[in-house]
Amino acid sequence: MPRAATAPTLQAPLPPTPASSAALRAAPPSAPAAAAGSPVPRAADSDRRRTSASVVLRSVLEHGPVARSVIARVTGLSPASVTDYCARFTGLGLVREAEPPRRSKGAGRPHVPLDLDDSRFVVGGVHVAVPFTTVALLDLRGRVLVERRSTHTSTEPGTVLARAADELRALLDARPGCRALAVGFAAGGWVDRETGTVVEHPLLGWRDVPVRDVLGARTGLPVHVDGHARALVGAEQLFGGARGSRSVLHLFVGNLVDAAFATNDEVHHGPRSQAGSVAHLPLPGGTEPCDCGRVGCLQAELSERTLCRRAREAGVIDGTNPMRVLAAAADGDATAVRLLVERARMVGRAVDLLLDVLNPETVVVTEIGVIGRADCLAALHEMVGAGRAATVAPTSFADRVPATAGGAVALDVLFRDPLGSVERLEHTSAGAG
């Protein structure tokens, strides 16, 4: 995987595609008028319908229970279009009437609010980390219904993916009343969304693993694949604290360290989904040698492997589980507290560097100390430069990060193309039959 010498490889923003009510208000819902006598291109018409369907379902998610008239007002779509999309969503089982129709003294149709129907469909989530794989089911609101975590006995890709598919099927079999729309897969490293491939995961030793094909064949479901930092920034915008923010930076600090950046609901992937590789960003004050030959690269300095090694050297723990460092700090171990707070300060320096480059409204940090300890969060904020306008906060998903990351990949696709998502499921099911 290419390494940056002095700066992150986050790609410059592309022109956003509206995919929410806010984006639709910024860009008119209808396509530009064609020249007189010229038909509207089918592709443009299809894109317009997909965008309109997306903003209607997003409005139900954000505002529900909500009346159709409110959806029309916040999206700018015509009442007839909103009624049509809501009827289609209701027929598909994505939306339901929130309560029985109220009796009306006057003429006209009673106003019946609509809400997401989170009782029929689920999405599967698979997240592969260095020490374990998490498999989960999520509802349409991004809530984790059930999850299983399995420690790796082997990191051979076929073994890991086969076990994940089997466990996912077991979770689905235990919920016969729910139907899976799709499976989302997330992992660190270089993950190519378009090809559904883990191009390179250096700590797992994976190269060019066709995850989408393998999981699709074993589950019989549509499979969507992305990097976990991008998956989580999408989850923050759909279901978390970054909803409504026009630009969001997410910094993921685990065994691997990577980032994601989104503007106007569009997460930037870049060519071959390489955007967000910040592992070799030089970190001021860093002392850790890196495999690239330099000192103080962001991943070498902040990796959970480095934290655990330092904790072992200090006699705090005797293994490789970073949660034991957190537990030791909770029990009052002063050395564990110091290690976690120092790490949080370095994370703050990394955030400050990325703020210089990207200047987002919101920064979300996924790191165990920042998530679990007030002193670590304070240390992070201390290192972010004074006068910064950005809101800097820990992830909204706390102890559900891996489960959320996997499922969020599939949910992002659903809310961007709801009608197409159901059509893909029916097509896949028909092909399997």
Protein backbone atom coordinates (compact mmCIF):
# COMPACT_ATOMS: atom_id res chain seq x y z
CA MET A 1 0.00 0.00 0.00
CA PRO A 2 1.53 3.37 -0.93
CA ARG A 3 2.85 5.37 2.01
CA ALA A 4 2.67 9.10 2.39
CA ALA A 5 5.93 10.82 3.12
CA THR A 6 4.77 13.92 4.94
CA ALA A 7 1.03 14.29 4.60
CA PRO A 8 -2.14 12.18 4.67
CA THR A 9 -3.50 10.86 1.41
CA LEU A 10 -7.02 12.05 2.06
CA GLN A 11 -8.33 12.98 -1.34
CA ALA A 12 -9.62 16.41 -2.30
CA PRO A 13 -13.43 16.57 -2.16
CA LEU A 14 -15.39 15.65 -5.24
CA PRO A 15 -18.60 17.50 -6.10
CA PRO A 16 -21.17 16.10 -3.64
CA THR A 17 -24.13 14.01 -4.71
CA PRO A 18 -27.15 15.04 -2.64
CA ALA A 19 -28.32 12.20 -0.46
CA SER A 20 -30.21 13.86 2.37
CA SER A 21 -32.90 16.41 2.93
CA ALA A 22 -30.26 19.05 3.63
CA ALA A 23 -28.38 18.24 0.44
CA LEU A 24 -31.56 18.25 -1.57
CA ARG A 25 -32.43 21.71 -0.29
CA ALA A 26 -29.02 22.86 -1.46
CA ALA A 27 -29.54 21.36 -4.93
CA PRO A 28 -32.97 21.33 -6.61
CA PRO A 29 -34.48 17.82 -6.74
CA SER A 30 -35.24 17.96 -10.42
CA ALA A 31 -32.63 17.46 -13.11
CA PRO A 32 -31.76 20.44 -15.33
CA ALA A 33 -34.30 20.93 -18.10
CA ALA A 34 -33.32 19.36 -21.40
CA ALA A 35 -33.21 21.41 -24.56
CA ALA A 36 -36.51 21.78 -26.38
CA GLY A 37 -37.41 18.56 -28.12
CA SER A 38 -34.61 16.61 -26.39
CA PRO A 39 -35.55 13.70 -24.11
CA VAL A 40 -34.15 13.64 -20.57
CA PRO A 41 -31.30 11.07 -20.48
CA ARG A 42 -32.36 7.85 -18.82
CA ALA A 43 -29.29 7.81 -16.56
CA ALA A 44 -30.03 11.32 -15.29
CA ASP A 45 -33.66 10.40 -14.68
CA SER A 46 -32.61 7.28 -12.79
CA ASP A 47 -30.17 9.28 -10.66
CA ARG A 48 -32.89 11.81 -9.87
CA ARG A 49 -35.32 9.08 -8.76
CA ARG A 50 -32.64 7.42 -6.64
CA THR A 51 -31.78 10.73 -4.98
CA SER A 52 -35.44 11.55 -4.35
CA ALA A 53 -36.08 8.13 -2.84
CA SER A 54 -33.02 8.56 -0.63
CA VAL A 55 -34.03 11.94 0.77
CA VAL A 56 -37.57 10.75 1.50
CA LEU A 57 -36.35 7.73 3.49
CA ARG A 58 -33.69 9.83 5.23
CA SER A 59 -36.40 12.30 6.22
CA VAL A 60 -38.45 9.51 7.78
CA LEU A 61 -35.34 8.35 9.67
CA GLU A 62 -34.48 11.84 10.88
CA HIS A 63 -37.94 13.20 11.65
CA GLY A 64 -40.23 10.22 12.09
CA PRO A 65 -42.98 9.82 13.04
CA VAL A 66 -43.56 12.47 10.40
CA ALA A 67 -46.42 13.53 8.15
CA ARG A 68 -46.06 13.38 4.39
CA SER A 69 -46.64 17.13 4.21
CA VAL A 70 -43.62 17.72 6.45
CA ILE A 71 -41.48 15.46 4.29
CA ALA A 72 -42.51 17.45 1.22
CA ARG A 73 -41.64 20.70 2.98
CA VAL A 74 -38.18 19.68 4.23
CA THR A 75 -37.13 17.93 1.00
CA GLY A 76 -38.61 20.31 -1.55
CA LEU A 77 -40.30 17.43 -3.37
CA SER A 78 -43.90 17.68 -4.51
CA PRO A 79 -46.57 16.19 -2.22
CA ALA A 80 -47.52 13.77 -5.01
CA SER A 81 -43.92 12.50 -5.28
CA VAL A 82 -43.62 12.09 -1.52
CA THR A 83 -46.90 10.18 -1.38
CA ASP A 84 -45.74 7.90 -4.20
CA TYR A 85 -42.38 7.11 -2.58
CA CYS A 86 -43.95 6.56 0.84
CA ALA A 87 -46.49 4.18 -0.67
CA ARG A 88 -43.70 2.21 -2.32
CA PHE A 89 -41.68 2.11 0.90
CA THR A 90 -44.73 0.95 2.84
CA GLY A 91 -45.36 -1.81 0.33
CA LEU A 92 -41.74 -2.94 0.60
CA GLY A 93 -41.82 -3.00 4.39
CA LEU A 94 -39.39 -0.12 4.96
CA VAL A 95 -41.96 2.36 6.29
CA ARG A 96 -45.13 1.96 8.34
CA GLU A 97 -47.96 4.15 9.54
CA ALA A 98 -47.14 5.21 13.06
CA GLU A 99 -50.73 5.13 14.36
CA PRO A 100 -54.27 4.49 13.11
CA PRO A 101 -55.83 7.32 11.11
CA ARG A 102 -57.35 10.03 13.26
CA ARG A 103 -60.99 10.87 12.69
CA SER A 104 -61.35 14.11 10.76
CA LYS A 105 -64.32 16.44 11.06
CA GLY A 106 -63.63 18.02 7.70
CA ALA A 107 -63.14 16.70 4.22
CA GLY A 108 -59.87 15.29 2.98
CA ARG A 109 -57.51 12.54 3.91
CA PRO A 110 -56.45 12.35 7.58
CA HIS A 111 -52.79 13.09 8.30
CA VAL A 112 -51.19 9.77 9.27
CA PRO A 113 -47.56 10.07 10.39
CA LEU A 114 -45.02 7.65 8.98
CA ASP A 115 -42.05 6.01 10.65
CA LEU A 116 -39.39 3.49 9.76
CA ASP A 117 -40.58 -0.10 10.01
CA ASP A 118 -37.72 -1.64 11.97
CA SER A 119 -39.54 -4.92 12.58
CA ARG A 120 -39.15 -6.67 9.21
CA PHE A 121 -35.65 -6.13 7.89
CA VAL A 122 -32.19 -6.34 9.39
CA VAL A 123 -28.71 -6.03 7.95
CA GLY A 124 -25.79 -8.27 8.77
CA GLY A 125 -22.46 -6.79 9.80
CA VAL A 126 -19.01 -8.37 9.68
CA HIS A 127 -15.99 -6.53 11.07
CA VAL A 128 -12.56 -8.16 10.93
CA ALA A 129 -10.05 -6.78 13.44
CA VAL A 130 -6.52 -8.04 14.09
CA PRO A 131 -7.35 -10.29 17.08
CA PHE A 132 -11.01 -11.13 16.42
CA THR A 133 -14.02 -10.95 14.10
CA THR A 134 -17.35 -9.42 15.12
CA VAL A 135 -20.59 -10.56 13.48
CA ALA A 136 -23.83 -8.70 14.20
CA LEU A 137 -27.38 -7.96 13.14
CA LEU A 138 -28.57 -4.33 13.07
CA ASP A 139 -32.01 -2.86 12.55
CA LEU A 140 -32.76 -0.05 10.10
CA ARG A 141 -31.98 2.56 12.75
CA GLY A 142 -28.44 1.30 13.14
CA ARG A 143 -29.12 -0.34 16.51
CA VAL A 144 -27.17 -3.51 17.23
CA LEU A 145 -29.67 -6.28 17.97
CA VAL A 146 -27.21 -9.09 18.59
CA GLU A 147 -23.50 -9.67 18.07
CA ARG A 148 -20.90 -12.38 18.41
CA ARG A 149 -17.15 -11.95 18.73
CA SER A 150 -14.76 -14.76 17.80
CA THR A 151 -11.05 -14.74 18.52
CA HIS A 152 -9.00 -15.75 15.50
CA THR A 153 -7.53 -19.23 15.57
CA SER A 154 -6.21 -18.51 12.07
CA THR A 155 -6.09 -15.29 10.04
CA GLU A 156 -6.20 -17.14 6.71
CA PRO A 157 -8.87 -15.21 4.76
CA GLY A 158 -10.95 -18.20 3.69
CA THR A 159 -11.14 -19.50 7.25
CA VAL A 160 -12.06 -16.12 8.74
CA LEU A 161 -14.74 -15.38 6.15
CA ALA A 162 -16.26 -18.87 6.24
CA ARG A 163 -16.60 -18.71 10.01
CA ALA A 164 -18.12 -15.23 9.81
CA ALA A 165 -20.67 -16.37 7.23
CA ASP A 166 -21.63 -19.41 9.32
CA GLU A 167 -22.08 -17.32 12.46
CA LEU A 168 -24.10 -14.75 10.56
CA ARG A 169 -26.41 -17.47 9.29
CA ALA A 170 -26.82 -18.76 12.85
CA LEU A 171 -27.85 -15.29 14.05
CA LEU A 172 -30.39 -15.01 11.24
CA ASP A 173 -31.79 -18.47 11.88
CA ALA A 174 -32.42 -17.44 15.50
CA ARG A 175 -34.62 -14.54 14.26
CA PRO A 176 -37.06 -16.17 11.84
CA GLY A 177 -39.32 -13.11 11.76
CA CYS A 178 -36.62 -10.88 10.28
CA ARG A 179 -35.25 -10.84 6.76
CA ALA A 180 -31.71 -9.69 5.97
CA LEU A 181 -31.44 -7.00 3.31
CA ALA A 182 -27.68 -7.26 2.88
CA VAL A 183 -24.37 -7.86 4.60
CA GLY A 184 -21.90 -5.09 5.31
CA PHE A 185 -18.20 -5.87 5.76
CA ALA A 186 -15.65 -3.51 7.28
CA ALA A 187 -11.95 -3.79 8.11
CA GLY A 188 -8.90 -1.62 8.48
CA GLY A 189 -6.15 -1.31 5.91
CA TRP A 190 -6.72 -0.71 2.23
CA VAL A 191 -10.27 -1.78 1.33
CA ASP A 192 -11.57 -1.14 -2.20
CA ARG A 193 -15.30 -0.50 -2.08
CA GLU A 194 -15.82 -0.77 -5.84
CA THR A 195 -14.29 -4.23 -6.25
CA GLY A 196 -15.34 -5.50 -2.82
CA THR A 197 -11.74 -6.41 -2.06
CA VAL A 198 -9.36 -6.08 0.86
CA VAL A 199 -6.38 -4.98 -1.18
CA GLU A 200 -3.94 -5.00 1.72
CA HIS A 201 -4.19 -5.48 5.47
CA PRO A 202 -0.59 -5.59 6.69
CA LEU A 203 -1.27 -6.90 10.20
CA LEU A 204 -3.54 -9.72 9.02
CA GLY A 205 -1.32 -10.50 6.04
CA TRP A 206 -4.26 -10.18 3.61
CA ARG A 207 -3.69 -9.16 0.01
CA ASP A 208 -6.30 -8.95 -2.77
CA VAL A 209 -8.96 -10.89 -0.84
CA PRO A 210 -12.31 -10.90 -2.78
CA VAL A 211 -14.46 -10.45 0.31
CA ARG A 212 -17.66 -9.52 -1.53
CA ASP A 213 -17.54 -12.62 -3.72
CA VAL A 214 -16.67 -14.98 -0.88
CA LEU A 215 -19.28 -13.73 1.58
CA GLY A 216 -21.89 -13.38 -1.15
CA ALA A 217 -21.42 -16.99 -2.22
CA ARG A 218 -21.64 -18.27 1.35
CA THR A 219 -24.59 -16.15 2.53
CA GLY A 220 -26.66 -15.77 -0.65
CA LEU A 221 -27.09 -12.07 0.17
CA PRO A 222 -25.89 -8.82 -1.41
CA VAL A 223 -22.58 -7.85 0.20
CA HIS A 224 -21.12 -4.34 0.50
CA VAL A 225 -17.51 -3.73 1.55
CA ASP A 226 -15.66 -0.69 2.90
CA GLY A 227 -12.94 0.46 5.27
CA HIS A 228 -13.98 0.74 8.91
CA ALA A 229 -13.10 4.42 9.32
CA ARG A 230 -15.31 5.33 6.35
CA ALA A 231 -18.06 3.02 7.58
CA LEU A 232 -18.07 4.70 10.98
CA VAL A 233 -18.12 8.25 9.63
CA GLY A 234 -21.18 7.25 7.62
CA ALA A 235 -22.77 5.80 10.75
CA GLU A 236 -22.12 9.03 12.64
CA GLN A 237 -23.91 10.99 9.93
CA LEU A 238 -26.88 8.62 9.75
CA PHE A 239 -27.39 7.64 13.38
CA GLY A 240 -24.84 9.41 15.57
CA GLY A 241 -23.76 12.77 16.90
CA ALA A 242 -22.59 14.06 13.50
CA ARG A 243 -26.09 14.02 11.96
CA GLY A 244 -26.63 17.37 10.26
CA SER A 245 -22.94 18.31 10.19
CA ARG A 246 -21.79 19.50 6.78
CA SER A 247 -18.25 18.11 7.16
CA VAL A 248 -16.98 15.34 9.41
CA LEU A 249 -13.53 13.90 10.06
CA HIS A 250 -13.25 10.50 11.75
CA LEU A 251 -9.96 9.29 13.22
CA PHE A 252 -9.82 5.58 14.07
CA VAL A 253 -7.03 4.61 16.47
CA GLY A 254 -6.71 0.86 17.03
CA ASN A 255 -4.07 -1.64 15.98
CA LEU A 256 -4.29 0.19 12.66
CA VAL A 257 -4.74 3.95 12.47
CA ASP A 258 -6.73 5.48 9.63
CA ALA A 259 -9.13 8.31 8.92
CA ALA A 260 -12.16 9.24 6.86
CA PHE A 261 -13.58 12.56 5.71
CA ALA A 262 -17.09 13.44 4.56
CA THR A 263 -18.74 16.58 3.25
CA ASN A 264 -22.47 16.99 2.59
CA ASP A 265 -23.12 13.31 3.38
CA GLU A 266 -20.51 12.12 0.86
CA VAL A 267 -17.63 10.07 2.28
CA HIS A 268 -14.53 10.54 0.15
CA HIS A 269 -12.96 7.35 -1.14
CA GLY A 270 -10.53 8.53 -3.80
CA PRO A 271 -9.09 6.33 -6.57
CA ARG A 272 -9.34 2.67 -5.57
CA SER A 273 -10.64 3.75 -2.15
CA GLN A 274 -7.22 4.80 -0.87
CA ALA A 275 -8.35 8.02 0.80
CA GLY A 276 -7.77 8.16 4.55
CA SER A 277 -4.36 6.48 4.77
CA VAL A 278 -2.67 8.49 7.53
CA ALA A 279 -0.49 5.75 9.02
CA HIS A 280 2.77 7.48 8.06
CA LEU A 281 1.79 11.03 8.92
CA PRO A 282 4.73 12.38 10.98
CA LEU A 283 3.56 13.13 14.52
CA PRO A 284 5.37 15.95 16.37
CA GLY A 285 6.93 14.60 19.55
CA GLY A 286 6.77 10.99 18.38
CA THR A 287 9.62 8.68 19.36
CA GLU A 288 8.48 5.28 18.11
CA PRO A 289 10.51 3.71 15.25
CA CYS A 290 8.41 2.78 12.21
CA ASP A 291 8.89 -0.03 9.72
CA CYS A 292 9.24 2.61 7.00
CA GLY A 293 12.55 3.70 8.53
CA ARG A 294 11.36 6.96 10.08
CA VAL A 295 10.48 7.81 13.68
CA GLY A 296 7.17 9.07 14.99
CA CYS A 297 4.79 7.94 12.24
CA LEU A 298 1.22 8.19 13.46
CA GLN A 299 0.42 4.48 13.39
CA ALA A 300 3.69 3.39 14.97
CA GLU A 301 3.17 5.91 17.76
CA LEU A 302 -0.53 5.35 18.45
CA SER A 303 -1.15 1.68 17.62
CA GLU A 304 -2.68 -0.46 20.35
CA ARG A 305 0.29 -2.77 19.83
CA THR A 306 2.58 0.06 20.91
CA LEU A 307 0.36 0.85 23.91
CA CYS A 308 0.41 -2.79 25.04
CA ARG A 309 4.17 -3.11 24.57
CA ARG A 310 4.76 -0.02 26.68
CA ALA A 311 2.33 -1.35 29.31
CA ARG A 312 4.16 -4.70 29.42
CA GLU A 313 7.52 -2.96 29.79
CA ALA A 314 6.08 -0.98 32.69
CA GLY A 315 4.70 -4.11 34.34
CA VAL A 316 1.05 -3.06 33.94
CA ILE A 317 -0.11 -6.07 31.87
CA ASP A 318 1.40 -9.28 30.56
CA GLY A 319 -0.49 -9.68 27.27
CA THR A 320 -1.61 -7.88 24.14
CA ASN A 321 -5.14 -6.83 25.08
CA PRO A 322 -5.40 -3.01 25.33
CA MET A 323 -8.62 -3.30 27.33
CA ARG A 324 -6.51 -4.64 30.20
CA VAL A 325 -4.64 -1.34 30.27
CA LEU A 326 -7.98 0.43 30.51
CA ALA A 327 -9.05 -1.95 33.31
CA ALA A 328 -5.81 -1.36 35.20
CA ALA A 329 -6.34 2.40 34.98
CA ALA A 330 -9.90 1.98 36.28
CA ASP A 331 -8.44 0.05 39.25
CA GLY A 332 -6.18 3.01 40.07
CA ASP A 333 -2.90 1.96 38.46
CA ALA A 334 -1.09 5.30 38.03
CA THR A 335 1.19 4.00 35.29
CA ALA A 336 -1.74 2.77 33.23
CA VAL A 337 -3.44 6.15 33.64
CA ARG A 338 -0.26 7.92 32.52
CA LEU A 339 0.10 5.72 29.42
CA LEU A 340 -3.50 6.30 28.39
CA VAL A 341 -3.41 10.06 28.96
CA GLU A 342 -0.12 10.43 27.09
CA ARG A 343 -1.59 8.48 24.19
CA ALA A 344 -4.69 10.69 24.19
CA ARG A 345 -2.47 13.78 24.00
CA MET A 346 -0.72 12.34 20.95
CA VAL A 347 -4.11 11.60 19.40
CA GLY A 348 -4.96 15.25 20.03
CA ARG A 349 -1.84 16.31 18.15
CA ALA A 350 -2.88 14.13 15.23
CA VAL A 351 -6.34 15.69 15.26
CA ASP A 352 -4.80 19.16 15.29
CA LEU A 353 -2.72 18.32 12.21
CA LEU A 354 -5.73 16.99 10.33
CA LEU A 355 -7.76 20.04 11.29
CA ASP A 356 -5.12 22.18 9.58
CA VAL A 357 -5.60 20.21 6.37
CA LEU A 358 -9.36 19.63 6.31
CA ASN A 359 -11.00 22.13 8.68
CA PRO A 360 -14.19 20.08 9.30
CA GLU A 361 -17.12 21.16 11.45
CA THR A 362 -17.02 17.93 13.45
CA VAL A 363 -14.25 15.54 14.48
CA VAL A 364 -15.08 12.08 15.80
CA VAL A 365 -12.37 10.03 17.51
CA THR A 366 -12.53 6.29 18.07
CA GLU A 367 -9.86 5.41 20.65
CA ILE A 368 -10.32 3.37 23.82
CA GLY A 369 -9.07 5.97 26.30
CA VAL A 370 -11.01 8.84 24.73
CA ILE A 371 -14.15 6.69 24.70
CA GLY A 372 -13.83 5.41 28.25
CA ARG A 373 -12.12 8.07 30.38
CA ALA A 374 -12.84 11.73 31.06
CA ASP A 375 -9.15 12.49 31.68
CA CYS A 376 -8.21 11.11 28.25
CA LEU A 377 -10.92 13.16 26.56
CA ALA A 378 -9.68 16.26 28.41
CA ALA A 379 -6.10 15.53 27.29
CA LEU A 380 -7.28 15.21 23.70
CA HIS A 381 -9.07 18.56 23.87
CA GLU A 382 -6.03 20.16 25.49
CA MET A 383 -3.86 19.33 22.49
CA VAL A 384 -6.30 20.64 19.88
CA GLY A 385 -5.28 24.20 19.05
CA ALA A 386 -7.06 27.08 20.74
CA GLY A 387 -9.65 28.84 18.65
CA ARG A 388 -10.64 25.76 16.67
CA ALA A 389 -14.27 25.96 15.60
CA ALA A 390 -14.66 22.20 15.18
CA THR A 391 -16.52 20.07 17.68
CA VAL A 392 -14.25 17.19 18.79
CA ALA A 393 -15.99 14.23 20.42
CA PRO A 394 -15.63 10.49 20.95
CA THR A 395 -17.52 8.01 18.79
CA SER A 396 -21.26 7.75 19.38
CA PHE A 397 -21.09 3.95 19.46
CA ALA A 398 -18.75 3.27 22.41
CA ASP A 399 -18.56 -0.50 23.01
CA ARG A 400 -20.49 -1.28 19.80
CA VAL A 401 -17.87 0.08 17.40
CA PRO A 402 -16.98 -3.15 15.49
CA ALA A 403 -20.60 -4.30 15.21
CA THR A 404 -21.73 -0.87 14.06
CA ALA A 405 -18.92 -0.56 11.51
CA GLY A 406 -19.89 -3.71 9.63
CA GLY A 407 -23.62 -3.07 9.59
CA ALA A 408 -23.17 0.61 8.72
CA VAL A 409 -21.67 -0.31 5.34
CA ALA A 410 -24.93 -2.00 4.32
CA LEU A 411 -27.14 0.68 5.89
CA ASP A 412 -25.31 3.44 4.04
CA VAL A 413 -26.16 1.71 0.76
CA LEU A 414 -29.78 1.26 1.84
CA PHE A 415 -30.31 4.93 2.65
CA ARG A 416 -28.58 6.07 -0.53
CA ASP A 417 -30.57 3.75 -2.79
CA PRO A 418 -33.52 2.23 -0.91
CA LEU A 419 -35.44 0.95 -3.92
CA GLY A 420 -32.31 -0.48 -5.52
CA SER A 421 -31.35 -2.20 -2.26
CA VAL A 422 -34.60 -4.14 -2.15
CA GLU A 423 -34.35 -4.91 -5.87
CA ARG A 424 -30.83 -6.31 -5.37
CA LEU A 425 -32.09 -8.53 -2.56
CA GLU A 426 -34.90 -9.90 -4.73
CA HIS A 427 -32.52 -10.47 -7.62
CA THR A 428 -30.00 -12.25 -5.41
CA SER A 429 -32.73 -14.40 -3.86
CA ALA A 430 -34.09 -15.31 -7.28
CA GLY A 431 -30.63 -16.23 -8.50
CA ALA A 432 -30.02 -18.39 -5.42
CA GLY A 433 -33.33 -20.15 -6.02
